[in-house]
N, C-alpha and C. Protein backbone atom coordinates (compact mmCIF):
# COMPACT_ATOMS: atom_id res chain seq x y z
N MET A 1 -7.34 48.47 -14.68
CA MET A 1 -8.46 48.47 -15.60
C MET A 1 -8.86 47.02 -15.88
N LYS A 2 -10.16 46.77 -15.83
CA LYS A 2 -10.66 45.42 -16.06
C LYS A 2 -10.63 45.09 -17.55
N PRO A 3 -10.29 43.87 -17.91
CA PRO A 3 -10.35 43.48 -19.32
C PRO A 3 -11.81 43.39 -19.77
N MET A 4 -12.06 43.72 -21.01
CA MET A 4 -13.40 43.71 -21.57
C MET A 4 -13.79 42.26 -21.88
N LYS A 5 -15.03 41.92 -21.56
CA LYS A 5 -15.53 40.58 -21.86
C LYS A 5 -15.71 40.41 -23.36
N HIS A 6 -15.57 39.18 -23.82
CA HIS A 6 -15.71 38.90 -25.25
C HIS A 6 -17.09 39.28 -25.77
N SER A 7 -18.12 39.10 -24.97
CA SER A 7 -19.47 39.44 -25.42
C SER A 7 -19.61 40.95 -25.61
N HIS A 8 -18.96 41.73 -24.74
CA HIS A 8 -19.00 43.19 -24.87
C HIS A 8 -18.22 43.63 -26.10
N THR A 9 -17.11 42.98 -26.36
CA THR A 9 -16.30 43.30 -27.54
C THR A 9 -17.09 43.02 -28.81
N LEU A 10 -17.76 41.89 -28.84
CA LEU A 10 -18.57 41.53 -30.01
C LEU A 10 -19.72 42.52 -30.20
N ALA A 11 -20.39 42.89 -29.11
CA ALA A 11 -21.50 43.85 -29.19
C ALA A 11 -20.99 45.20 -29.70
N LEU A 12 -19.83 45.66 -29.22
CA LEU A 12 -19.25 46.92 -29.66
C LEU A 12 -18.91 46.87 -31.15
N ALA A 13 -18.35 45.76 -31.59
CA ALA A 13 -18.00 45.60 -33.01
C ALA A 13 -19.24 45.66 -33.89
N VAL A 14 -20.31 45.01 -33.46
CA VAL A 14 -21.56 45.02 -34.23
C VAL A 14 -22.14 46.43 -34.28
N LEU A 15 -22.12 47.15 -33.18
CA LEU A 15 -22.62 48.53 -33.16
C LEU A 15 -21.80 49.44 -34.07
N CYS A 16 -20.49 49.21 -34.12
CA CYS A 16 -19.64 50.01 -35.00
C CYS A 16 -20.01 49.83 -36.46
N LEU A 17 -20.49 48.66 -36.83
CA LEU A 17 -20.91 48.42 -38.21
C LEU A 17 -22.09 49.29 -38.61
N PHE A 18 -22.90 49.68 -37.63
CA PHE A 18 -24.09 50.49 -37.91
C PHE A 18 -23.91 51.96 -37.55
N ALA A 19 -22.68 52.39 -37.28
CA ALA A 19 -22.44 53.78 -36.88
C ALA A 19 -22.85 54.77 -37.96
N GLY A 20 -22.72 54.38 -39.22
CA GLY A 20 -23.09 55.29 -40.31
C GLY A 20 -24.56 55.62 -40.34
N THR A 21 -25.40 54.75 -39.83
CA THR A 21 -26.84 55.00 -39.86
C THR A 21 -27.31 55.86 -38.69
N ALA A 22 -26.38 56.23 -37.80
CA ALA A 22 -26.77 57.01 -36.64
C ALA A 22 -27.06 58.46 -37.00
N SER A 23 -26.60 58.91 -38.15
CA SER A 23 -26.81 60.28 -38.61
C SER A 23 -26.30 61.31 -37.62
N ALA A 24 -25.23 60.98 -36.93
CA ALA A 24 -24.65 61.94 -36.01
C ALA A 24 -24.02 63.10 -36.76
N HIS A 25 -23.55 62.85 -37.96
CA HIS A 25 -22.97 63.90 -38.80
C HIS A 25 -23.84 64.02 -40.03
N THR A 26 -24.13 65.24 -40.41
CA THR A 26 -25.11 65.44 -41.48
C THR A 26 -24.48 65.60 -42.85
N GLY A 27 -23.21 65.40 -42.99
CA GLY A 27 -22.53 65.64 -44.26
C GLY A 27 -23.09 64.89 -45.44
N GLU A 28 -23.61 63.72 -45.26
CA GLU A 28 -24.11 62.94 -46.38
C GLU A 28 -25.63 62.99 -46.49
N HIS A 29 -26.26 63.78 -45.69
CA HIS A 29 -27.73 63.79 -45.67
C HIS A 29 -28.23 65.20 -46.00
N THR A 30 -29.07 65.30 -46.98
CA THR A 30 -29.59 66.58 -47.42
C THR A 30 -30.37 67.28 -46.32
N ALA A 31 -31.08 66.54 -45.49
CA ALA A 31 -31.91 67.16 -44.45
C ALA A 31 -31.08 68.00 -43.51
N GLY A 32 -29.90 67.53 -43.12
CA GLY A 32 -29.04 68.29 -42.21
C GLY A 32 -28.60 69.60 -42.82
N GLY A 33 -28.19 69.56 -44.08
CA GLY A 33 -27.80 70.78 -44.76
C GLY A 33 -29.00 71.68 -44.99
N PHE A 34 -30.11 71.08 -45.36
CA PHE A 34 -31.33 71.84 -45.62
C PHE A 34 -31.78 72.58 -44.36
N ALA A 35 -31.82 71.88 -43.23
CA ALA A 35 -32.28 72.50 -41.99
C ALA A 35 -31.36 73.63 -41.56
N SER A 36 -30.07 73.45 -41.71
CA SER A 36 -29.11 74.50 -41.36
C SER A 36 -29.30 75.71 -42.27
N GLY A 37 -29.44 75.45 -43.57
CA GLY A 37 -29.64 76.54 -44.52
C GLY A 37 -30.95 77.27 -44.30
N LEU A 38 -31.99 76.53 -43.96
CA LEU A 38 -33.30 77.12 -43.71
C LEU A 38 -33.26 78.03 -42.48
N ALA A 39 -32.54 77.62 -41.47
CA ALA A 39 -32.48 78.39 -40.23
C ALA A 39 -31.59 79.62 -40.32
N HIS A 40 -30.54 79.53 -41.14
CA HIS A 40 -29.53 80.59 -41.13
C HIS A 40 -30.10 82.00 -41.36
N PRO A 41 -30.88 82.25 -42.40
CA PRO A 41 -31.39 83.62 -42.60
C PRO A 41 -32.34 84.08 -41.50
N LEU A 42 -32.94 83.14 -40.80
CA LEU A 42 -33.92 83.49 -39.76
C LEU A 42 -33.25 83.83 -38.44
N LEU A 43 -32.00 83.42 -38.27
CA LEU A 43 -31.33 83.60 -36.98
C LEU A 43 -30.46 84.84 -36.92
N GLY A 44 -30.14 85.42 -38.05
CA GLY A 44 -29.33 86.64 -38.05
C GLY A 44 -30.19 87.84 -38.36
N LEU A 45 -30.17 88.83 -37.49
CA LEU A 45 -31.00 90.02 -37.67
C LEU A 45 -30.66 90.72 -38.98
N ASP A 46 -29.38 90.77 -39.35
CA ASP A 46 -28.99 91.44 -40.59
C ASP A 46 -29.62 90.78 -41.81
N HIS A 47 -29.56 89.46 -41.88
CA HIS A 47 -30.16 88.75 -43.01
C HIS A 47 -31.68 88.87 -42.98
N LEU A 48 -32.25 88.70 -41.83
CA LEU A 48 -33.71 88.75 -41.67
C LEU A 48 -34.27 90.09 -42.15
N LEU A 49 -33.69 91.18 -41.66
CA LEU A 49 -34.18 92.52 -42.02
C LEU A 49 -33.96 92.82 -43.49
N ALA A 50 -32.79 92.47 -44.02
CA ALA A 50 -32.51 92.77 -45.42
C ALA A 50 -33.46 92.03 -46.35
N MET A 51 -33.76 90.79 -46.04
CA MET A 51 -34.60 90.00 -46.94
C MET A 51 -36.06 90.42 -46.87
N ILE A 52 -36.51 90.80 -45.70
CA ILE A 52 -37.86 91.37 -45.59
C ILE A 52 -37.90 92.72 -46.32
N ALA A 53 -36.83 93.50 -46.17
CA ALA A 53 -36.76 94.81 -46.83
C ALA A 53 -36.80 94.68 -48.35
N VAL A 54 -36.16 93.67 -48.89
CA VAL A 54 -36.22 93.46 -50.35
C VAL A 54 -37.67 93.26 -50.78
N GLY A 55 -38.42 92.48 -50.02
CA GLY A 55 -39.83 92.27 -50.35
C GLY A 55 -40.65 93.55 -50.24
N LEU A 56 -40.43 94.31 -49.17
CA LEU A 56 -41.15 95.58 -49.00
C LEU A 56 -40.83 96.53 -50.15
N TRP A 57 -39.54 96.65 -50.47
CA TRP A 57 -39.12 97.58 -51.52
C TRP A 57 -39.65 97.14 -52.88
N ALA A 58 -39.59 95.85 -53.17
CA ALA A 58 -40.11 95.34 -54.45
C ALA A 58 -41.60 95.64 -54.57
N ALA A 59 -42.33 95.48 -53.47
CA ALA A 59 -43.77 95.76 -53.50
C ALA A 59 -44.03 97.25 -53.73
N GLN A 60 -43.21 98.10 -53.12
CA GLN A 60 -43.35 99.54 -53.36
C GLN A 60 -43.10 99.89 -54.82
N GLN A 61 -42.13 99.23 -55.43
CA GLN A 61 -41.78 99.51 -56.82
C GLN A 61 -42.89 99.05 -57.76
N GLY A 62 -43.52 97.93 -57.41
CA GLY A 62 -44.65 97.42 -58.18
C GLY A 62 -44.26 96.90 -59.56
N GLY A 63 -45.26 96.51 -60.32
CA GLY A 63 -45.04 96.00 -61.68
C GLY A 63 -44.10 94.81 -61.71
N ARG A 64 -43.23 94.79 -62.72
CA ARG A 64 -42.27 93.69 -62.87
C ARG A 64 -41.30 93.60 -61.70
N ALA A 65 -41.04 94.71 -61.04
CA ALA A 65 -40.10 94.73 -59.91
C ALA A 65 -40.57 93.82 -58.78
N LEU A 66 -41.87 93.61 -58.69
CA LEU A 66 -42.43 92.79 -57.62
C LEU A 66 -41.82 91.39 -57.61
N TRP A 67 -41.55 90.84 -58.78
CA TRP A 67 -40.91 89.52 -58.83
C TRP A 67 -39.45 89.60 -59.27
N ALA A 68 -39.09 90.60 -60.09
CA ALA A 68 -37.74 90.68 -60.65
C ALA A 68 -36.69 91.03 -59.60
N VAL A 69 -37.02 91.93 -58.70
CA VAL A 69 -36.05 92.34 -57.67
C VAL A 69 -35.75 91.17 -56.72
N PRO A 70 -36.77 90.51 -56.15
CA PRO A 70 -36.46 89.34 -55.33
C PRO A 70 -35.75 88.23 -56.10
N ALA A 71 -36.12 88.03 -57.36
CA ALA A 71 -35.46 86.98 -58.16
C ALA A 71 -33.98 87.30 -58.37
N ALA A 72 -33.68 88.57 -58.62
CA ALA A 72 -32.28 88.98 -58.78
C ALA A 72 -31.52 88.76 -57.48
N PHE A 73 -32.18 89.03 -56.35
CA PHE A 73 -31.54 88.82 -55.05
C PHE A 73 -31.21 87.34 -54.87
N VAL A 74 -32.16 86.48 -55.13
CA VAL A 74 -31.95 85.03 -54.92
C VAL A 74 -30.85 84.51 -55.84
N GLY A 75 -30.86 84.92 -57.10
CA GLY A 75 -29.84 84.46 -58.04
C GLY A 75 -28.44 84.89 -57.64
N ALA A 76 -28.28 86.16 -57.28
CA ALA A 76 -26.97 86.65 -56.88
C ALA A 76 -26.55 86.06 -55.53
N MET A 77 -27.50 85.80 -54.67
CA MET A 77 -27.19 85.18 -53.38
C MET A 77 -26.61 83.78 -53.58
N LEU A 78 -27.18 83.03 -54.51
CA LEU A 78 -26.64 81.71 -54.83
C LEU A 78 -25.21 81.82 -55.38
N LEU A 79 -24.98 82.82 -56.21
CA LEU A 79 -23.65 83.05 -56.76
C LEU A 79 -22.65 83.36 -55.63
N GLY A 80 -23.06 84.21 -54.70
CA GLY A 80 -22.20 84.54 -53.56
C GLY A 80 -21.90 83.33 -52.70
N GLY A 81 -22.92 82.49 -52.48
CA GLY A 81 -22.70 81.26 -51.72
C GLY A 81 -21.72 80.34 -52.44
N GLY A 82 -21.83 80.29 -53.77
CA GLY A 82 -20.90 79.49 -54.56
C GLY A 82 -19.47 80.00 -54.46
N LEU A 83 -19.31 81.32 -54.47
CA LEU A 83 -17.96 81.90 -54.32
C LEU A 83 -17.34 81.51 -52.99
N ALA A 84 -18.14 81.55 -51.94
CA ALA A 84 -17.63 81.14 -50.62
C ALA A 84 -17.27 79.67 -50.63
N GLY A 85 -18.10 78.85 -51.25
CA GLY A 85 -17.84 77.42 -51.32
C GLY A 85 -16.57 77.10 -52.09
N LEU A 86 -16.24 77.93 -53.07
CA LEU A 86 -15.02 77.73 -53.85
C LEU A 86 -13.78 78.31 -53.16
N GLY A 87 -14.01 78.99 -52.04
CA GLY A 87 -12.88 79.56 -51.30
C GLY A 87 -12.45 80.93 -51.79
N TRP A 88 -13.24 81.57 -52.60
CA TRP A 88 -12.90 82.91 -53.09
C TRP A 88 -13.15 83.92 -51.97
N GLY A 89 -12.40 84.97 -51.96
CA GLY A 89 -12.58 86.01 -50.95
C GLY A 89 -13.45 87.14 -51.47
N LEU A 90 -14.30 87.65 -50.65
CA LEU A 90 -15.12 88.80 -50.97
C LEU A 90 -14.91 89.79 -49.82
N PRO A 91 -14.13 90.84 -50.07
CA PRO A 91 -13.74 91.72 -48.96
C PRO A 91 -14.92 92.48 -48.34
N HIS A 92 -14.80 92.71 -47.06
CA HIS A 92 -15.76 93.53 -46.30
C HIS A 92 -17.19 93.02 -46.37
N ALA A 93 -17.35 91.72 -46.38
CA ALA A 93 -18.69 91.13 -46.53
C ALA A 93 -19.62 91.53 -45.38
N GLU A 94 -19.14 91.48 -44.15
CA GLU A 94 -20.01 91.81 -43.01
C GLU A 94 -20.47 93.26 -43.05
N ILE A 95 -19.59 94.15 -43.44
CA ILE A 95 -19.98 95.56 -43.55
C ILE A 95 -20.99 95.74 -44.67
N ALA A 96 -20.77 95.05 -45.79
CA ALA A 96 -21.71 95.15 -46.92
C ALA A 96 -23.09 94.61 -46.54
N VAL A 97 -23.13 93.54 -45.76
CA VAL A 97 -24.41 92.99 -45.31
C VAL A 97 -25.13 94.01 -44.42
N ALA A 98 -24.40 94.60 -43.47
CA ALA A 98 -24.99 95.61 -42.59
C ALA A 98 -25.42 96.84 -43.39
N LEU A 99 -24.59 97.25 -44.35
CA LEU A 99 -24.91 98.40 -45.19
C LEU A 99 -26.18 98.14 -46.01
N SER A 100 -26.39 96.88 -46.43
CA SER A 100 -27.59 96.56 -47.19
C SER A 100 -28.85 96.83 -46.38
N VAL A 101 -28.80 96.56 -45.10
CA VAL A 101 -29.97 96.81 -44.24
C VAL A 101 -30.24 98.31 -44.18
N LEU A 102 -29.20 99.10 -44.00
CA LEU A 102 -29.35 100.56 -43.95
C LEU A 102 -29.90 101.10 -45.28
N VAL A 103 -29.27 100.73 -46.38
CA VAL A 103 -29.66 101.27 -47.69
C VAL A 103 -31.07 100.84 -48.07
N LEU A 104 -31.39 99.57 -47.88
CA LEU A 104 -32.74 99.11 -48.21
C LEU A 104 -33.79 99.81 -47.35
N GLY A 105 -33.47 100.03 -46.09
CA GLY A 105 -34.38 100.77 -45.22
C GLY A 105 -34.61 102.19 -45.72
N VAL A 106 -33.53 102.84 -46.14
CA VAL A 106 -33.64 104.21 -46.68
C VAL A 106 -34.46 104.21 -47.97
N LEU A 107 -34.24 103.22 -48.83
CA LEU A 107 -34.99 103.14 -50.09
C LEU A 107 -36.49 102.98 -49.83
N ILE A 108 -36.83 102.18 -48.82
CA ILE A 108 -38.24 102.00 -48.47
C ILE A 108 -38.82 103.30 -47.91
N THR A 109 -38.05 103.94 -47.05
CA THR A 109 -38.53 105.17 -46.40
C THR A 109 -38.76 106.29 -47.40
N THR A 110 -37.86 106.44 -48.37
CA THR A 110 -37.96 107.54 -49.34
C THR A 110 -38.96 107.28 -50.46
N ARG A 111 -39.33 106.02 -50.70
CA ARG A 111 -40.31 105.63 -51.72
C ARG A 111 -39.92 106.08 -53.13
N ARG A 112 -38.65 106.34 -53.37
CA ARG A 112 -38.21 106.75 -54.71
C ARG A 112 -38.38 105.59 -55.68
N GLN A 113 -38.94 105.86 -56.85
CA GLN A 113 -39.12 104.84 -57.88
C GLN A 113 -37.82 104.67 -58.66
N TRP A 114 -37.46 103.43 -58.93
CA TRP A 114 -36.26 103.10 -59.68
C TRP A 114 -36.66 102.29 -60.90
N ALA A 115 -35.83 102.35 -61.94
CA ALA A 115 -36.04 101.47 -63.08
C ALA A 115 -35.87 100.03 -62.58
N VAL A 116 -36.59 99.10 -63.18
CA VAL A 116 -36.53 97.70 -62.74
C VAL A 116 -35.10 97.18 -62.77
N ALA A 117 -34.37 97.49 -63.84
CA ALA A 117 -32.98 97.01 -63.97
C ALA A 117 -32.11 97.58 -62.85
N ALA A 118 -32.31 98.83 -62.48
CA ALA A 118 -31.54 99.43 -61.39
C ALA A 118 -31.88 98.76 -60.06
N GLY A 119 -33.16 98.50 -59.84
CA GLY A 119 -33.57 97.81 -58.61
C GLY A 119 -32.99 96.41 -58.53
N MET A 120 -32.99 95.73 -59.67
CA MET A 120 -32.40 94.39 -59.70
C MET A 120 -30.91 94.44 -59.41
N ALA A 121 -30.22 95.44 -59.96
CA ALA A 121 -28.78 95.57 -59.75
C ALA A 121 -28.46 95.86 -58.28
N ILE A 122 -29.24 96.72 -57.67
CA ILE A 122 -29.03 97.04 -56.24
C ILE A 122 -29.24 95.79 -55.40
N ALA A 123 -30.35 95.10 -55.64
CA ALA A 123 -30.65 93.89 -54.88
C ALA A 123 -29.58 92.83 -55.09
N ALA A 124 -29.17 92.64 -56.35
CA ALA A 124 -28.16 91.62 -56.66
C ALA A 124 -26.82 91.96 -56.03
N GLY A 125 -26.46 93.23 -56.04
CA GLY A 125 -25.19 93.63 -55.43
C GLY A 125 -25.13 93.28 -53.96
N PHE A 126 -26.18 93.58 -53.25
CA PHE A 126 -26.21 93.25 -51.83
C PHE A 126 -26.34 91.74 -51.61
N ALA A 127 -27.10 91.09 -52.47
CA ALA A 127 -27.32 89.64 -52.32
C ALA A 127 -26.03 88.85 -52.48
N LEU A 128 -25.13 89.33 -53.30
CA LEU A 128 -23.85 88.64 -53.47
C LEU A 128 -23.14 88.51 -52.12
N PHE A 129 -23.18 89.56 -51.33
CA PHE A 129 -22.54 89.54 -50.01
C PHE A 129 -23.32 88.68 -49.02
N HIS A 130 -24.64 88.73 -49.10
CA HIS A 130 -25.46 87.88 -48.21
C HIS A 130 -25.20 86.40 -48.52
N GLY A 131 -25.18 86.05 -49.79
CA GLY A 131 -24.90 84.67 -50.18
C GLY A 131 -23.51 84.23 -49.75
N TYR A 132 -22.56 85.13 -49.90
CA TYR A 132 -21.19 84.82 -49.49
C TYR A 132 -21.14 84.54 -47.99
N ALA A 133 -21.83 85.37 -47.21
CA ALA A 133 -21.87 85.16 -45.75
C ALA A 133 -22.56 83.84 -45.42
N HIS A 134 -23.64 83.52 -46.12
CA HIS A 134 -24.31 82.23 -45.91
C HIS A 134 -23.35 81.08 -46.20
N GLY A 135 -22.64 81.19 -47.31
CA GLY A 135 -21.71 80.14 -47.70
C GLY A 135 -20.58 79.95 -46.71
N LEU A 136 -20.07 81.05 -46.18
CA LEU A 136 -18.99 80.96 -45.19
C LEU A 136 -19.46 80.30 -43.90
N GLU A 137 -20.72 80.48 -43.56
CA GLU A 137 -21.24 79.98 -42.29
C GLU A 137 -21.89 78.61 -42.42
N MET A 138 -21.76 77.99 -43.59
CA MET A 138 -22.31 76.64 -43.76
C MET A 138 -21.53 75.66 -42.89
N PRO A 139 -22.22 74.87 -42.09
CA PRO A 139 -21.51 73.85 -41.29
C PRO A 139 -20.73 72.91 -42.20
N GLN A 140 -19.53 72.54 -41.78
CA GLN A 140 -18.67 71.69 -42.60
C GLN A 140 -19.32 70.37 -42.99
N ALA A 141 -20.10 69.82 -42.10
CA ALA A 141 -20.70 68.51 -42.36
C ALA A 141 -21.97 68.59 -43.20
N ALA A 142 -22.45 69.80 -43.49
CA ALA A 142 -23.72 69.95 -44.19
C ALA A 142 -23.58 69.68 -45.68
N SER A 143 -24.63 69.19 -46.28
CA SER A 143 -24.70 69.02 -47.72
C SER A 143 -24.81 70.41 -48.36
N PRO A 144 -23.88 70.80 -49.23
CA PRO A 144 -23.95 72.14 -49.84
C PRO A 144 -25.25 72.37 -50.62
N VAL A 145 -25.72 71.36 -51.34
CA VAL A 145 -26.96 71.52 -52.11
C VAL A 145 -28.16 71.67 -51.17
N GLY A 146 -28.23 70.83 -50.16
CA GLY A 146 -29.31 70.93 -49.19
C GLY A 146 -29.29 72.26 -48.46
N TYR A 147 -28.09 72.70 -48.07
CA TYR A 147 -27.94 73.98 -47.38
C TYR A 147 -28.41 75.13 -48.27
N ALA A 148 -27.99 75.11 -49.54
CA ALA A 148 -28.40 76.17 -50.48
C ALA A 148 -29.91 76.17 -50.68
N LEU A 149 -30.50 74.98 -50.82
CA LEU A 149 -31.95 74.92 -50.97
C LEU A 149 -32.66 75.49 -49.74
N GLY A 150 -32.11 75.21 -48.57
CA GLY A 150 -32.70 75.74 -47.34
C GLY A 150 -32.63 77.24 -47.26
N PHE A 151 -31.44 77.82 -47.56
CA PHE A 151 -31.38 79.28 -47.42
C PHE A 151 -32.11 79.98 -48.55
N VAL A 152 -32.27 79.34 -49.70
CA VAL A 152 -33.08 79.94 -50.76
C VAL A 152 -34.55 79.93 -50.36
N LEU A 153 -35.04 78.83 -49.82
CA LEU A 153 -36.44 78.76 -49.40
C LEU A 153 -36.73 79.79 -48.30
N ALA A 154 -35.84 79.89 -47.33
CA ALA A 154 -36.03 80.88 -46.25
C ALA A 154 -36.03 82.30 -46.82
N THR A 155 -35.15 82.56 -47.76
CA THR A 155 -35.07 83.89 -48.38
C THR A 155 -36.35 84.22 -49.14
N VAL A 156 -36.83 83.28 -49.93
CA VAL A 156 -38.06 83.50 -50.69
C VAL A 156 -39.23 83.77 -49.73
N CYS A 157 -39.28 83.02 -48.65
CA CYS A 157 -40.35 83.24 -47.65
C CYS A 157 -40.23 84.62 -47.00
N LEU A 158 -39.01 85.05 -46.71
CA LEU A 158 -38.81 86.37 -46.12
C LEU A 158 -39.15 87.48 -47.12
N HIS A 159 -38.80 87.29 -48.39
CA HIS A 159 -39.22 88.25 -49.42
C HIS A 159 -40.75 88.31 -49.47
N GLY A 160 -41.39 87.16 -49.43
CA GLY A 160 -42.86 87.10 -49.43
C GLY A 160 -43.45 87.78 -48.21
N THR A 161 -42.79 87.64 -47.08
CA THR A 161 -43.24 88.32 -45.85
C THR A 161 -43.19 89.83 -46.05
N GLY A 162 -42.11 90.30 -46.66
CA GLY A 162 -42.00 91.73 -46.94
C GLY A 162 -43.08 92.21 -47.90
N ILE A 163 -43.31 91.43 -48.95
CA ILE A 163 -44.34 91.79 -49.92
C ILE A 163 -45.71 91.84 -49.24
N ALA A 164 -46.01 90.82 -48.45
CA ALA A 164 -47.28 90.80 -47.72
C ALA A 164 -47.34 91.94 -46.70
N GLY A 165 -46.22 92.23 -46.08
CA GLY A 165 -46.17 93.31 -45.09
C GLY A 165 -46.45 94.67 -45.70
N SER A 166 -46.19 94.82 -46.99
CA SER A 166 -46.45 96.11 -47.64
C SER A 166 -47.94 96.43 -47.68
N LEU A 167 -48.76 95.43 -47.45
CA LEU A 167 -50.21 95.64 -47.46
C LEU A 167 -50.70 96.44 -46.25
N ILE A 168 -49.82 96.66 -45.28
CA ILE A 168 -50.22 97.42 -44.08
C ILE A 168 -50.45 98.89 -44.38
N GLY A 169 -50.05 99.33 -45.55
CA GLY A 169 -50.27 100.71 -45.94
C GLY A 169 -48.97 101.45 -46.20
N ARG A 170 -49.11 102.53 -46.96
CA ARG A 170 -47.94 103.30 -47.39
C ARG A 170 -47.16 103.89 -46.24
N ARG A 171 -47.83 104.55 -45.33
CA ARG A 171 -47.15 105.20 -44.20
C ARG A 171 -46.52 104.17 -43.26
N ALA A 172 -47.22 103.10 -42.99
CA ALA A 172 -46.69 102.06 -42.11
C ALA A 172 -45.47 101.39 -42.74
N THR A 173 -45.50 101.22 -44.06
CA THR A 173 -44.36 100.64 -44.76
C THR A 173 -43.16 101.56 -44.67
N GLN A 174 -43.40 102.85 -44.85
CA GLN A 174 -42.31 103.81 -44.72
C GLN A 174 -41.74 103.82 -43.30
N LEU A 175 -42.60 103.72 -42.33
CA LEU A 175 -42.15 103.66 -40.94
C LEU A 175 -41.33 102.40 -40.69
N ALA A 176 -41.77 101.29 -41.26
CA ALA A 176 -41.00 100.04 -41.16
C ALA A 176 -39.64 100.22 -41.82
N GLY A 177 -39.61 100.90 -42.96
CA GLY A 177 -38.34 101.18 -43.64
C GLY A 177 -37.41 102.01 -42.77
N ALA A 178 -37.97 103.00 -42.07
CA ALA A 178 -37.15 103.83 -41.17
C ALA A 178 -36.57 102.98 -40.04
N GLY A 179 -37.39 102.09 -39.50
CA GLY A 179 -36.90 101.19 -38.45
C GLY A 179 -35.80 100.27 -38.95
N ILE A 180 -35.97 99.79 -40.18
CA ILE A 180 -34.94 98.92 -40.79
C ILE A 180 -33.66 99.72 -41.00
N ALA A 181 -33.78 100.97 -41.46
CA ALA A 181 -32.60 101.80 -41.68
C ALA A 181 -31.85 102.06 -40.38
N VAL A 182 -32.58 102.37 -39.32
CA VAL A 182 -31.95 102.60 -38.01
C VAL A 182 -31.26 101.32 -37.53
N SER A 183 -31.90 100.19 -37.73
CA SER A 183 -31.28 98.91 -37.37
C SER A 183 -30.00 98.69 -38.17
N GLY A 184 -30.04 99.05 -39.45
CA GLY A 184 -28.85 98.93 -40.29
C GLY A 184 -27.72 99.79 -39.81
N LEU A 185 -28.04 100.99 -39.37
CA LEU A 185 -27.02 101.89 -38.82
C LEU A 185 -26.41 101.27 -37.56
N ALA A 186 -27.25 100.72 -36.71
CA ALA A 186 -26.75 100.07 -35.50
C ALA A 186 -25.88 98.86 -35.84
N LEU A 187 -26.26 98.11 -36.86
CA LEU A 187 -25.47 96.96 -37.29
C LEU A 187 -24.10 97.39 -37.81
N ILE A 188 -24.06 98.50 -38.55
CA ILE A 188 -22.79 98.99 -39.08
C ILE A 188 -21.84 99.33 -37.94
N PHE A 189 -22.36 99.98 -36.91
CA PHE A 189 -21.51 100.37 -35.79
C PHE A 189 -21.11 99.18 -34.91
N SER A 190 -21.84 98.07 -35.05
CA SER A 190 -21.49 96.89 -34.25
C SER A 190 -20.52 95.96 -34.97
N VAL A 191 -20.26 96.22 -36.27
CA VAL A 191 -19.35 95.34 -37.03
C VAL A 191 -17.92 95.61 -36.65
């Protein structure tokens, strides 16, 4: 092996001084955590369908439920993410996430009206597991605050997509709910 020239050694030492600015690891940068959190709900079919379903179902319920049900989902999702971050265990999280897709799909399909508090409780119960799954899948180097902001923004946008999607009409929304329910059933069998 050839010995390294002094000029190369000096150049390497100078480059090492600036290694922190290379942003190869995102642990200290909010953007890295934010981008990961933003992408996470969009990349998993279970999260994507459940969050759109919450918006569809909230729109069907109408009134205060239009904002209260999605808000309850987001709040409980943050709590679930916090539990994962603290290292707490939440049993059967993957099954609960898949079950949420099935149940929300059925709720949309049946169009049954629920009290706002009951709708919020259902959404929050499922959201706790979704948040926990998000928290478990956070990249180690990501900023927890940035990651949480990202997955909250993606979730709110998906809820909004569901709410906007409800404008396609009652029958089409019910059909979408049936498709979501069937997808949820397939997800349960794949867990």
